[in-house]
Every structure is written in C-alpha cells, then in structure tokens.
Amino acid sequence: MSEATGQQGSAGKRLARNLALYTLARLGLVVVIAALIVGVAKLIGVEVPIIVAALFALIVAMPLSLTLFKKLRMKVNEDIAVVDERRRQDKAQLRARLRGDDDA
C-alpha cells in the first residue's frame, strides 16, 4: 500500500468517525429536547404525544446543532475535502494512465 493510499485510508477513517460522532451528537440533541418538551408538558399538566415532541425537537435541533456542534461539523467538512481531493487526484492519475502519459 502506498503512502498516499494510507493517507486516504486514515482520512476516510477519520471522516467516518467524525461523521458518526456528529450524527450521534445531533440525535442526542433531538432526544434531549424531546425529553424536555415531554417533561415540561407533564409539569404543567398537558399530555404531549411522543411523536409530536419528537417532531418539534427535530425542528428546534436543526438550527441549534449548527451552532452547538460547529467544531465537529467543521472537522467533518475538512475530512470530506481531503477525501474528495484525493479522489480527484486518483481520477486524474487514472485518466493520465489511460491516455498513455507517463506521469506516474
């Protein structure tokens, strides 16, 4: 395995890890907000169905997660850029080889 392939592999693993963390953080935020909605509703004596609380939690969590998890989102974006650049380089290298260029 070449060094470049190893770097892409590590970037891909880092992307997968950071994306999983970001997704879990966002889902956790939805769960916390939904629990708050249900809890506050019970405190004031109102019955709120879980599905309604979950939908409201999704609506509230979307913009909130952009600010709360900005660092993690930026890491994911950087990892995507690294993986995407490596794919572009590999594609250009393959096209050069198919044309018969000796740039390898």
PDB file of N, CA and C in Angstrom:
ATOM      1  N   MET A   1       0.852  -1.170   0.000  1.00  0.00           N
ATOM      2  CA  MET A   1       0.000   0.000   0.000  1.00  0.00           C
ATOM      3  C   MET A   1       0.897   1.232   0.000  1.00  0.00           C
ATOM      4  N   SER A   2       0.611   2.184  -0.902  1.00  0.00           N
ATOM      5  CA  SER A   2       1.436   3.391  -0.978  1.00  0.00           C
ATOM      6  C   SER A   2       1.083   4.348   0.147  1.00  0.00           C
ATOM      7  N   GLU A   3       1.968   5.344   0.324  1.00  0.00           N
ATOM      8  CA  GLU A   3       1.750   6.326   1.397  1.00  0.00           C
ATOM      9  C   GLU A   3       0.472   7.125   1.159  1.00  0.00           C
ATOM     10  N   ALA A   4       0.219   7.481  -0.112  1.00  0.00           N
ATOM     11  CA  ALA A   4      -0.972   8.264  -0.443  1.00  0.00           C
ATOM     12  C   ALA A   4      -2.242   7.469  -0.151  1.00  0.00           C
ATOM     13  N   THR A   5      -2.225   6.183  -0.473  1.00  0.00           N
ATOM     14  CA  THR A   5      -3.381   5.347  -0.195  1.00  0.00           C
ATOM     15  C   THR A   5      -3.603   5.229   1.306  1.00  0.00           C
ATOM     16  N   GLY A   6      -2.511   5.126   2.054  1.00  0.00           N
ATOM     17  CA  GLY A   6      -2.604   5.065   3.513  1.00  0.00           C
ATOM     18  C   GLY A   6      -3.169   6.344   4.090  1.00  0.00           C
ATOM     19  N   GLN A   7      -2.772   7.490   3.499  1.00  0.00           N
ATOM     20  CA  GLN A   7      -3.297   8.772   3.973  1.00  0.00           C
ATOM     21  C   GLN A   7      -4.786   8.873   3.704  1.00  0.00           C
ATOM     22  N   GLN A   8      -5.214   8.414   2.526  1.00  0.00           N
ATOM     23  CA  GLN A   8      -6.635   8.461   2.231  1.00  0.00           C
ATOM     24  C   GLN A   8      -7.392   7.531   3.148  1.00  0.00           C
ATOM     25  N   GLY A   9      -6.816   6.377   3.438  1.00  0.00           N
ATOM     26  CA  GLY A   9      -7.460   5.445   4.353  1.00  0.00           C
ATOM     27  C   GLY A   9      -7.652   6.051   5.726  1.00  0.00           C
ATOM     28  N   SER A  10      -6.607   6.745   6.210  1.00  0.00           N
ATOM     29  CA  SER A  10      -6.731   7.378   7.526  1.00  0.00           C
ATOM     30  C   SER A  10      -7.707   8.540   7.470  1.00  0.00           C
ATOM     31  N   ALA A  11      -7.712   9.294   6.356  1.00  0.00           N
ATOM     32  CA  ALA A  11      -8.680  10.388   6.210  1.00  0.00           C
ATOM     33  C   ALA A  11     -10.090   9.824   6.137  1.00  0.00           C
ATOM     34  N   GLY A  12     -10.248   8.707   5.453  1.00  0.00           N
ATOM     35  CA  GLY A  12     -11.561   8.070   5.361  1.00  0.00           C
ATOM     36  C   GLY A  12     -12.044   7.566   6.711  1.00  0.00           C
ATOM     37  N   LYS A  13     -11.132   6.992   7.478  1.00  0.00           N
ATOM     38  CA  LYS A  13     -11.496   6.517   8.820  1.00  0.00           C
ATOM     39  C   LYS A  13     -11.838   7.691   9.729  1.00  0.00           C
ATOM     40  N   ARG A  14     -11.043   8.762   9.615  1.00  0.00           N
ATOM     41  CA  ARG A  14     -11.293   9.958  10.417  1.00  0.00           C
ATOM     42  C   ARG A  14     -12.651  10.569  10.039  1.00  0.00           C
ATOM     43  N   LEU A  15     -12.945  10.591   8.736  1.00  0.00           N
ATOM     44  CA  LEU A  15     -14.235  11.101   8.273  1.00  0.00           C
ATOM     45  C   LEU A  15     -15.376  10.262   8.832  1.00  0.00           C
ATOM     46  N   ALA A  16     -15.244   8.952   8.766  1.00  0.00           N
ATOM     47  CA  ALA A  16     -16.293   8.065   9.278  1.00  0.00           C
ATOM     48  C   ALA A  16     -16.503   8.277  10.775  1.00  0.00           C
ATOM     49  N   ARG A  17     -15.396   8.387  11.518  1.00  0.00           N
ATOM     50  CA  ARG A  17     -15.505   8.601  12.965  1.00  0.00           C
ATOM     51  C   ARG A  17     -16.160   9.945  13.284  1.00  0.00           C
ATOM     52  N   ASN A  18     -15.678  11.011  12.642  1.00  0.00           N
ATOM     53  CA  ASN A  18     -16.230  12.334  12.919  1.00  0.00           C
ATOM     54  C   ASN A  18     -17.683  12.462  12.474  1.00  0.00           C
ATOM     55  N   LEU A  19     -18.016  11.836  11.353  1.00  0.00           N
ATOM     56  CA  LEU A  19     -19.399  11.864  10.882  1.00  0.00           C
ATOM     57  C   LEU A  19     -20.309  11.097  11.836  1.00  0.00           C
ATOM     58  N   ALA A  20     -19.833   9.971  12.341  1.00  0.00           N
ATOM     59  CA  ALA A  20     -20.620   9.202  13.314  1.00  0.00           C
ATOM     60  C   ALA A  20     -20.820  10.004  14.603  1.00  0.00           C
ATOM     61  N   LEU A  21     -19.754  10.654  15.067  1.00  0.00           N
ATOM     62  CA  LEU A  21     -19.874  11.487  16.271  1.00  0.00           C
ATOM     63  C   LEU A  21     -20.851  12.639  16.072  1.00  0.00           C
ATOM     64  N   TYR A  22     -20.766  13.292  14.920  1.00  0.00           N
ATOM     65  CA  TYR A  22     -21.658  14.416  14.625  1.00  0.00           C
ATOM     66  C   TYR A  22     -23.111  13.954  14.553  1.00  0.00           C
ATOM     67  N   THR A  23     -23.328  12.807  13.914  1.00  0.00           N
ATOM     68  CA  THR A  23     -24.679  12.256  13.805  1.00  0.00           C
ATOM     69  C   THR A  23     -25.220  11.878  15.178  1.00  0.00           C
ATOM     70  N   LEU A  24     -24.407  11.224  15.984  1.00  0.00           N
ATOM     71  CA  LEU A  24     -24.844  10.850  17.333  1.00  0.00           C
ATOM     72  C   LEU A  24     -25.120  12.082  18.194  1.00  0.00           C
ATOM     73  N   ALA A  25     -24.282  13.104  18.049  1.00  0.00           N
ATOM     74  CA  ALA A  25     -24.498  14.335  18.814  1.00  0.00           C
ATOM     75  C   ALA A  25     -25.827  14.982  18.423  1.00  0.00           C
ATOM     76  N   ARG A  26     -26.111  15.012  17.134  1.00  0.00           N
ATOM     77  CA  ARG A  26     -27.375  15.613  16.676  1.00  0.00           C
ATOM     78  C   ARG A  26     -28.581  14.792  17.133  1.00  0.00           C
ATOM     79  N   LEU A  27     -28.468  13.465  17.048  1.00  0.00           N
ATOM     80  CA  LEU A  27     -29.566  12.612  17.513  1.00  0.00           C
ATOM     81  C   LEU A  27     -29.767  12.750  19.014  1.00  0.00           C
ATOM     82  N   GLY A  28     -28.656  12.826  19.748  1.00  0.00           N
ATOM     83  CA  GLY A  28     -28.739  13.024  21.193  1.00  0.00           C
ATOM     84  C   GLY A  28     -29.414  14.333  21.538  1.00  0.00           C
ATOM     85  N   LEU A  29     -29.112  15.380  20.780  1.00  0.00           N
ATOM     86  CA  LEU A  29     -29.756  16.668  20.997  1.00  0.00           C
ATOM     87  C   LEU A  29     -31.263  16.573  20.774  1.00  0.00           C
ATOM     88  N   VAL A  30     -31.676  15.852  19.756  1.00  0.00           N
ATOM     89  CA  VAL A  30     -33.105  15.668  19.488  1.00  0.00           C
ATOM     90  C   VAL A  30     -33.760  14.935  20.653  1.00  0.00           C
ATOM     91  N   VAL A  31     -33.110  13.903  21.166  1.00  0.00           N
ATOM     92  CA  VAL A  31     -33.664  13.140  22.286  1.00  0.00           C
ATOM     93  C   VAL A  31     -33.788  14.023  23.529  1.00  0.00           C
ATOM     94  N   VAL A  32     -32.752  14.812  23.811  1.00  0.00           N
ATOM     95  CA  VAL A  32     -32.782  15.686  24.984  1.00  0.00           C
ATOM     96  C   VAL A  32     -33.902  16.727  24.857  1.00  0.00           C
ATOM     97  N   ILE A  33     -34.019  17.334  23.702  1.00  0.00           N
ATOM     98  CA  ILE A  33     -35.066  18.352  23.503  1.00  0.00           C
ATOM     99  C   ILE A  33     -36.456  17.726  23.597  1.00  0.00           C
ATOM    100  N   ALA A  34     -36.624  16.540  23.000  1.00  0.00           N
ATOM    101  CA  ALA A  34     -37.918  15.857  23.087  1.00  0.00           C
ATOM    102  C   ALA A  34     -38.259  15.524  24.537  1.00  0.00           C
ATOM    103  N   ALA A  35     -37.266  15.070  25.287  1.00  0.00           N
ATOM    104  CA  ALA A  35     -37.492  14.761  26.706  1.00  0.00           C
ATOM    105  C   ALA A  35     -37.861  16.028  27.477  1.00  0.00           C
ATOM    106  N   LEU A  36     -37.210  17.136  27.164  1.00  0.00           N
ATOM    107  CA  LEU A  36     -37.554  18.406  27.806  1.00  0.00           C
ATOM    108  C   LEU A  36     -38.990  18.826  27.491  1.00  0.00           C
ATOM    109  N   ILE A  37     -39.385  18.663  26.247  1.00  0.00           N
ATOM    110  CA  ILE A  37     -40.746  19.031  25.849  1.00  0.00           C
ATOM    111  C   ILE A  37     -41.763  18.189  26.611  1.00  0.00           C
ATOM    112  N   VAL A  38     -41.545  16.876  26.649  1.00  0.00           N
ATOM    113  CA  VAL A  38     -42.464  15.981  27.359  1.00  0.00           C
ATOM    114  C   VAL A  38     -42.445  16.278  28.853  1.00  0.00           C
ATOM    115  N   GLY A  39     -41.262  16.502  29.413  1.00  0.00           N
ATOM    116  CA  GLY A  39     -41.149  16.787  30.847  1.00  0.00           C
ATOM    117  C   GLY A  39     -41.835  18.076  31.246  1.00  0.00           C
ATOM    118  N   VAL A  40     -41.604  19.138  30.488  1.00  0.00           N
ATOM    119  CA  VAL A  40     -42.241  20.424  30.793  1.00  0.00           C
ATOM    120  C   VAL A  40     -43.760  20.314  30.616  1.00  0.00           C
ATOM    121  N   ALA A  41     -44.183  19.586  29.601  1.00  0.00           N
ATOM    122  CA  ALA A  41     -45.620  19.409  29.380  1.00  0.00           C
ATOM    123  C   ALA A  41     -46.260  18.683  30.567  1.00  0.00           C
ATOM    124  N   LYS A  42     -45.593  17.664  31.076  1.00  0.00           N
ATOM    125  CA  LYS A  42     -46.140  16.946  32.238  1.00  0.00           C
ATOM    126  C   LYS A  42     -46.175  17.831  33.479  1.00  0.00           C
ATOM    127  N   LEU A  43     -45.173  18.683  33.633  1.00  0.00           N
ATOM    128  CA  LEU A  43     -45.141  19.592  34.781  1.00  0.00           C
ATOM    129  C   LEU A  43     -46.325  20.565  34.779  1.00  0.00           C
ATOM    130  N   ILE A  44     -46.711  20.982  33.608  1.00  0.00           N
ATOM    131  CA  ILE A  44     -47.843  21.920  33.546  1.00  0.00           C
ATOM    132  C   ILE A  44     -49.181  21.207  33.332  1.00  0.00           C
ATOM    133  N   GLY A  45     -49.143  19.875  33.320  1.00  0.00           N
ATOM    134  CA  GLY A  45     -50.371  19.090  33.257  1.00  0.00           C
ATOM    135  C   GLY A  45     -50.933  18.896  31.859  1.00  0.00           C
ATOM    136  N   VAL A  46     -50.092  18.931  30.860  1.00  0.00           N
ATOM    137  CA  VAL A  46     -50.534  18.738  29.485  1.00  0.00           C
ATOM    138  C   VAL A  46     -49.928  17.442  28.954  1.00  0.00           C
ATOM    139  N   GLU A  47     -50.727  16.700  28.216  1.00  0.00           N
ATOM    140  CA  GLU A  47     -50.265  15.443  27.623  1.00  0.00           C
ATOM    141  C   GLU A  47     -49.788  15.718  26.189  1.00  0.00           C
ATOM    142  N   VAL A  48     -48.499  15.504  25.929  1.00  0.00           N
ATOM    143  CA  VAL A  48     -47.946  15.701  24.590  1.00  0.00           C
ATOM    144  C   VAL A  48     -47.507  14.335  24.056  1.00  0.00           C
ATOM    145  N   PRO A  49     -48.059  13.937  22.903  1.00  0.00           N
ATOM    146  CA  PRO A  49     -47.629  12.661  22.317  1.00  0.00           C
ATOM    147  C   PRO A  49     -46.131  12.698  21.974  1.00  0.00           C
ATOM    148  N   ILE A  50     -45.495  11.564  22.106  1.00  0.00           N
ATOM    149  CA  ILE A  50     -44.058  11.457  21.847  1.00  0.00           C
ATOM    150  C   ILE A  50     -43.726  11.889  20.417  1.00  0.00           C
ATOM    151  N   ILE A  51     -44.538  11.499  19.459  1.00  0.00           N
ATOM    152  CA  ILE A  51     -44.258  11.834  18.056  1.00  0.00           C
ATOM    153  C   ILE A  51     -44.279  13.348  17.841  1.00  0.00           C
ATOM    154  N   VAL A  52     -45.201  14.038  18.498  1.00  0.00           N
ATOM    155  CA  VAL A  52     -45.278  15.496  18.388  1.00  0.00           C
ATOM    156  C   VAL A  52     -44.041  16.125  19.030  1.00  0.00           C
ATOM    157  N   ALA A  53     -43.657  15.620  20.191  1.00  0.00           N
ATOM    158  CA  ALA A  53     -42.463  16.122  20.861  1.00  0.00           C
ATOM    159  C   ALA A  53     -41.226  15.880  20.000  1.00  0.00           C
ATOM    160  N   ALA A  54     -41.152  14.715  19.374  1.00  0.00           N
ATOM    161  CA  ALA A  54     -40.005  14.388  18.519  1.00  0.00           C
ATOM    162  C   ALA A  54     -39.952  15.308  17.300  1.00  0.00           C
ATOM    163  N   LEU A  55     -41.101  15.583  16.710  1.00  0.00           N
ATOM    164  CA  LEU A  55     -41.125  16.474  15.544  1.00  0.00           C
ATOM    165  C   LEU A  55     -40.707  17.893  15.917  1.00  0.00           C
ATOM    166  N   PHE A  56     -41.217  18.400  17.019  1.00  0.00           N
ATOM    167  CA  PHE A  56     -40.808  19.724  17.476  1.00  0.00           C
ATOM    168  C   PHE A  56     -39.320  19.738  17.832  1.00  0.00           C
ATOM    169  N   ALA A  57     -38.856  18.649  18.429  1.00  0.00           N
ATOM    170  CA  ALA A  57     -37.440  18.551  18.787  1.00  0.00           C
ATOM    171  C   ALA A  57     -36.557  18.586  17.543  1.00  0.00           C
ATOM    172  N   LEU A  58     -36.989  17.904  16.479  1.00  0.00           N
ATOM    173  CA  LEU A  58     -36.244  17.938  15.219  1.00  0.00           C
ATOM    174  C   LEU A  58     -36.158  19.354  14.671  1.00  0.00           C
ATOM    175  N   ILE A  59     -37.269  20.059  14.695  1.00  0.00           N
ATOM    176  CA  ILE A  59     -37.310  21.422  14.170  1.00  0.00           C
ATOM    177  C   ILE A  59     -36.395  22.341  14.976  1.00  0.00           C
ATOM    178  N   VAL A  60     -36.399  22.190  16.286  1.00  0.00           N
ATOM    179  CA  VAL A  60     -35.567  23.034  17.148  1.00  0.00           C
ATOM    180  C   VAL A  60     -34.094  22.624  17.047  1.00  0.00           C
ATOM    181  N   ALA A  61     -33.836  21.321  16.945  1.00  0.00           N
ATOM    182  CA  ALA A  61     -32.457  20.821  16.962  1.00  0.00           C
ATOM    183  C   ALA A  61     -31.687  21.141  15.685  1.00  0.00           C
ATOM    184  N   MET A  62     -32.390  21.263  14.566  1.00  0.00           N
ATOM    185  CA  MET A  62     -31.678  21.519  13.301  1.00  0.00           C
ATOM    186  C   MET A  62     -30.811  22.783  13.365  1.00  0.00           C
ATOM    187  N   PRO A  63     -31.383  23.945  13.609  1.00  0.00           N
ATOM    188  CA  PRO A  63     -30.521  25.142  13.659  1.00  0.00           C
ATOM    189  C   PRO A  63     -29.626  25.179  14.905  1.00  0.00           C
ATOM    190  N   LEU A  64     -30.116  24.612  15.996  1.00  0.00           N
ATOM    191  CA  LEU A  64     -29.345  24.620  17.231  1.00  0.00           C
ATOM    192  C   LEU A  64     -28.065  23.798  17.095  1.00  0.00           C
ATOM    193  N   SER A  65     -28.144  22.682  16.392  1.00  0.00           N
ATOM    194  CA  SER A  65     -26.964  21.832  16.226  1.00  0.00           C
ATOM    195  C   SER A  65     -25.900  22.508  15.372  1.00  0.00           C
ATOM    196  N   LEU A  66     -26.307  23.395  14.480  1.00  0.00           N
ATOM    197  CA  LEU A  66     -25.328  24.106  13.662  1.00  0.00           C
ATOM    198  C   LEU A  66     -24.416  24.981  14.519  1.00  0.00           C
ATOM    199  N   THR A  67     -24.959  25.537  15.578  1.00  0.00           N
ATOM    200  CA  THR A  67     -24.141  26.385  16.444  1.00  0.00           C
ATOM    201  C   THR A  67     -23.474  25.580  17.562  1.00  0.00           C
ATOM    202  N   LEU A  68     -24.188  24.635  18.136  1.00  0.00           N
ATOM    203  CA  LEU A  68     -23.630  23.855  19.246  1.00  0.00           C
ATOM    204  C   LEU A  68     -22.485  22.941  18.819  1.00  0.00           C
ATOM    205  N   PHE A  69     -22.599  22.379  17.636  1.00  0.00           N
ATOM    206  CA  PHE A  69     -21.619  21.393  17.170  1.00  0.00           C
ATOM    207  C   PHE A  69     -20.797  21.923  15.995  1.00  0.00           C
ATOM    208  N   LYS A  70     -20.519  23.223  16.004  1.00  0.00           N
ATOM    209  CA  LYS A  70     -19.808  23.852  14.889  1.00  0.00           C
ATOM    210  C   LYS A  70     -18.426  23.240  14.672  1.00  0.00           C
ATOM    211  N   LYS A  71     -17.669  23.014  15.744  1.00  0.00           N
ATOM    212  CA  LYS A  71     -16.315  22.452  15.608  1.00  0.00           C
ATOM    213  C   LYS A  71     -16.356  21.074  14.957  1.00  0.00           C
ATOM    214  N   LEU A  72     -17.273  20.247  15.412  1.00  0.00           N
ATOM    215  CA  LEU A  72     -17.389  18.895  14.864  1.00  0.00           C
ATOM    216  C   LEU A  72     -17.817  18.942  13.394  1.00  0.00           C
ATOM    217  N   ARG A  73     -18.730  19.841  13.070  1.00  0.00           N
ATOM    218  CA  ARG A  73     -19.183  19.995  11.685  1.00  0.00           C
ATOM    219  C   ARG A  73     -18.029  20.457  10.798  1.00  0.00           C
ATOM    220  N   MET A  74     -17.202  21.348  11.312  1.00  0.00           N
ATOM    221  CA  MET A  74     -16.049  21.833  10.547  1.00  0.00           C
ATOM    222  C   MET A  74     -15.043  20.702  10.309  1.00  0.00           C
ATOM    223  N   LYS A  75     -14.854  19.847  11.300  1.00  0.00           N
ATOM    224  CA  LYS A  75     -13.953  18.702  11.134  1.00  0.00           C
ATOM    225  C   LYS A  75     -14.463  17.773  10.039  1.00  0.00           C
ATOM    226  N   VAL A  76     -15.777  17.521  10.040  1.00  0.00           N
ATOM    227  CA  VAL A  76     -16.376  16.662   9.023  1.00  0.00           C
ATOM    228  C   VAL A  76     -16.177  17.283   7.638  1.00  0.00           C
ATOM    229  N   ASN A  77     -16.406  18.592   7.525  1.00  0.00           N
ATOM    230  CA  ASN A  77     -16.219  19.269   6.237  1.00  0.00           C
ATOM    231  C   ASN A  77     -14.778  19.186   5.761  1.00  0.00           C
ATOM    232  N   GLU A  78     -13.820  19.362   6.668  1.00  0.00           N
ATOM    233  CA  GLU A  78     -12.406  19.259   6.309  1.00  0.00           C
ATOM    234  C   GLU A  78     -12.054  17.849   5.851  1.00  0.00           C
ATOM    235  N   ASP A  79     -12.569  16.849   6.550  1.00  0.00           N
ATOM    236  CA  ASP A  79     -12.298  15.459   6.175  1.00  0.00           C
ATOM    237  C   ASP A  79     -12.897  15.133   4.813  1.00  0.00           C
ATOM    238  N   ILE A  80     -14.085  15.660   4.543  1.00  0.00           N
ATOM    239  CA  ILE A  80     -14.710  15.443   3.234  1.00  0.00           C
ATOM    240  C   ILE A  80     -13.851  16.069   2.147  1.00  0.00           C
ATOM    241  N   ALA A  81     -13.331  17.258   2.404  1.00  0.00           N
ATOM    242  CA  ALA A  81     -12.487  17.934   1.417  1.00  0.00           C
ATOM    243  C   ALA A  81     -11.218  17.128   1.132  1.00  0.00           C
ATOM    244  N   VAL A  82     -10.601  16.562   2.166  1.00  0.00           N
ATOM    245  CA  VAL A  82      -9.381  15.767   1.985  1.00  0.00           C
ATOM    246  C   VAL A  82      -9.676  14.523   1.154  1.00  0.00           C
ATOM    247  N   VAL A  83     -10.735  13.811   1.506  1.00  0.00           N
ATOM    248  CA  VAL A  83     -11.094  12.588   0.782  1.00  0.00           C
ATOM    249  C   VAL A  83     -11.468  12.923  -0.663  1.00  0.00           C
ATOM    250  N   ASP A  84     -12.213  14.012  -0.854  1.00  0.00           N
ATOM    251  CA  ASP A  84     -12.628  14.420  -2.192  1.00  0.00           C
ATOM    252  C   ASP A  84     -11.426  14.807  -3.051  1.00  0.00           C
ATOM    253  N   GLU A  85     -10.474  15.527  -2.488  1.00  0.00           N
ATOM    254  CA  GLU A  85      -9.267  15.916  -3.225  1.00  0.00           C
ATOM    255  C   GLU A  85      -8.465  14.689  -3.632  1.00  0.00           C
ATOM    256  N   ARG A  86      -8.354  13.731  -2.726  1.00  0.00           N
ATOM    257  CA  ARG A  86      -7.619  12.502  -3.041  1.00  0.00           C
ATOM    258  C   ARG A  86      -8.308  11.737  -4.167  1.00  0.00           C
ATOM    259  N   ARG A  87      -9.627  11.707  -4.151  1.00  0.00           N
ATOM    260  CA  ARG A  87     -10.364  11.034  -5.234  1.00  0.00           C
ATOM    261  C   ARG A  87     -10.119  11.734  -6.567  1.00  0.00           C
ATOM    262  N   ARG A  88     -10.111  13.066  -6.539  1.00  0.00           N
ATOM    263  CA  ARG A  88      -9.840  13.814  -7.774  1.00  0.00           C
ATOM    264  C   ARG A  88      -8.452  13.495  -8.313  1.00  0.00           C
ATOM    265  N   GLN A  89      -7.468  13.437  -7.410  1.00  0.00           N
ATOM    266  CA  GLN A  89      -6.105  13.117  -7.828  1.00  0.00           C
ATOM    267  C   GLN A  89      -6.026  11.715  -8.412  1.00  0.00           C
ATOM    268  N   ASP A  90      -6.672  10.759  -7.757  1.00  0.00           N
ATOM    269  CA  ASP A  90      -6.668   9.383  -8.265  1.00  0.00           C
ATOM    270  C   ASP A  90      -7.338   9.301  -9.636  1.00  0.00           C
ATOM    271  N   LYS A  91      -8.421  10.033  -9.811  1.00  0.00           N
ATOM    272  CA  LYS A  91      -9.143  10.038 -11.079  1.00  0.00           C
ATOM    273  C   LYS A  91      -8.272  10.648 -12.184  1.00  0.00           C
ATOM    274  N   ALA A  92      -7.595  11.744 -11.870  1.00  0.00           N
ATOM    275  CA  ALA A  92      -6.716  12.382 -12.853  1.00  0.00           C
ATOM    276  C   ALA A  92      -5.553  11.460 -13.213  1.00  0.00           C
ATOM    277  N   GLN A  93      -5.020  10.775 -12.214  1.00  0.00           N
ATOM    278  CA  GLN A  93      -3.921   9.841 -12.450  1.00  0.00           C
ATOM    279  C   GLN A  93      -4.372   8.681 -13.339  1.00  0.00           C
ATOM    280  N   LEU A  94      -5.560   8.169 -13.083  1.00  0.00           N
ATOM    281  CA  LEU A  94      -6.096   7.083 -13.892  1.00  0.00           C
ATOM    282  C   LEU A  94      -6.315   7.537 -15.333  1.00  0.00           C
ATOM    283  N   ARG A  95      -6.871   8.728 -15.502  1.00  0.00           N
ATOM    284  CA  ARG A  95      -7.090   9.252 -16.859  1.00  0.00           C
ATOM    285  C   ARG A  95      -5.763   9.435 -17.584  1.00  0.00           C
ATOM    286  N   ALA A  96      -4.745   9.905 -16.871  1.00  0.00           N
ATOM    287  CA  ALA A  96      -3.424  10.079 -17.483  1.00  0.00           C
ATOM    288  C   ALA A  96      -2.864   8.735 -17.924  1.00  0.00           C
ATOM    289  N   ARG A  97      -3.023   7.727 -17.106  1.00  0.00           N
ATOM    290  CA  ARG A  97      -2.547   6.386 -17.476  1.00  0.00           C
ATOM    291  C   ARG A  97      -3.301   5.847 -18.674  1.00  0.00           C
ATOM    292  N   LEU A  98      -4.610   6.091 -18.728  1.00  0.00           N
ATOM    293  CA  LEU A  98      -5.403   5.608 -19.865  1.00  0.00           C
ATOM    294  C   LEU A  98      -5.027   6.323 -21.163  1.00  0.00           C
ATOM    295  N   ARG A  99      -4.594   7.574 -21.047  1.00  0.00           N
ATOM    296  CA  ARG A  99      -4.130   8.312 -22.226  1.00  0.00           C
ATOM    297  C   ARG A  99      -2.735   7.862 -22.645  1.00  0.00           C
ATOM    298  N   GLY A 100      -2.036   7.208 -21.743  1.00  0.00           N
ATOM    299  CA  GLY A 100      -0.693   6.739 -22.043  1.00  0.00           C
ATOM    300  C   GLY A 100       0.384   7.675 -21.554  1.00  0.00           C
ATOM    301  N   ASP A 101       0.018   8.678 -20.772  1.00  0.00           N
ATOM    302  CA  ASP A 101       1.014   9.586 -20.207  1.00  0.00           C
ATOM    303  C   ASP A 101       1.808   8.864 -19.138  1.00  0.00           C
ATOM    304  N   ASP A 102       3.086   9.170 -19.035  1.00  0.00           N
ATOM    305  CA  ASP A 102       3.957   8.531 -18.043  1.00  0.00           C
ATOM    306  C   ASP A 102       4.214   9.481 -16.874  1.00  0.00           C
ATOM    307  N   ASP A 103       3.146   9.974 -16.247  1.00  0.00           N
ATOM    308  CA  ASP A 103       3.283  10.897 -15.111  1.00  0.00           C
ATOM    309  C   ASP A 103       3.367  10.156 -13.790  1.00  0.00           C
ATOM    310  N   ALA A 104       3.155   8.836 -13.810  1.00  0.00           N
ATOM    311  CA  ALA A 104       3.134   8.075 -12.570  1.00  0.00           C
ATOM    312  C   ALA A 104       4.426   8.035 -11.948  1.00  0.00           C
TER     313      ALA A 104
END
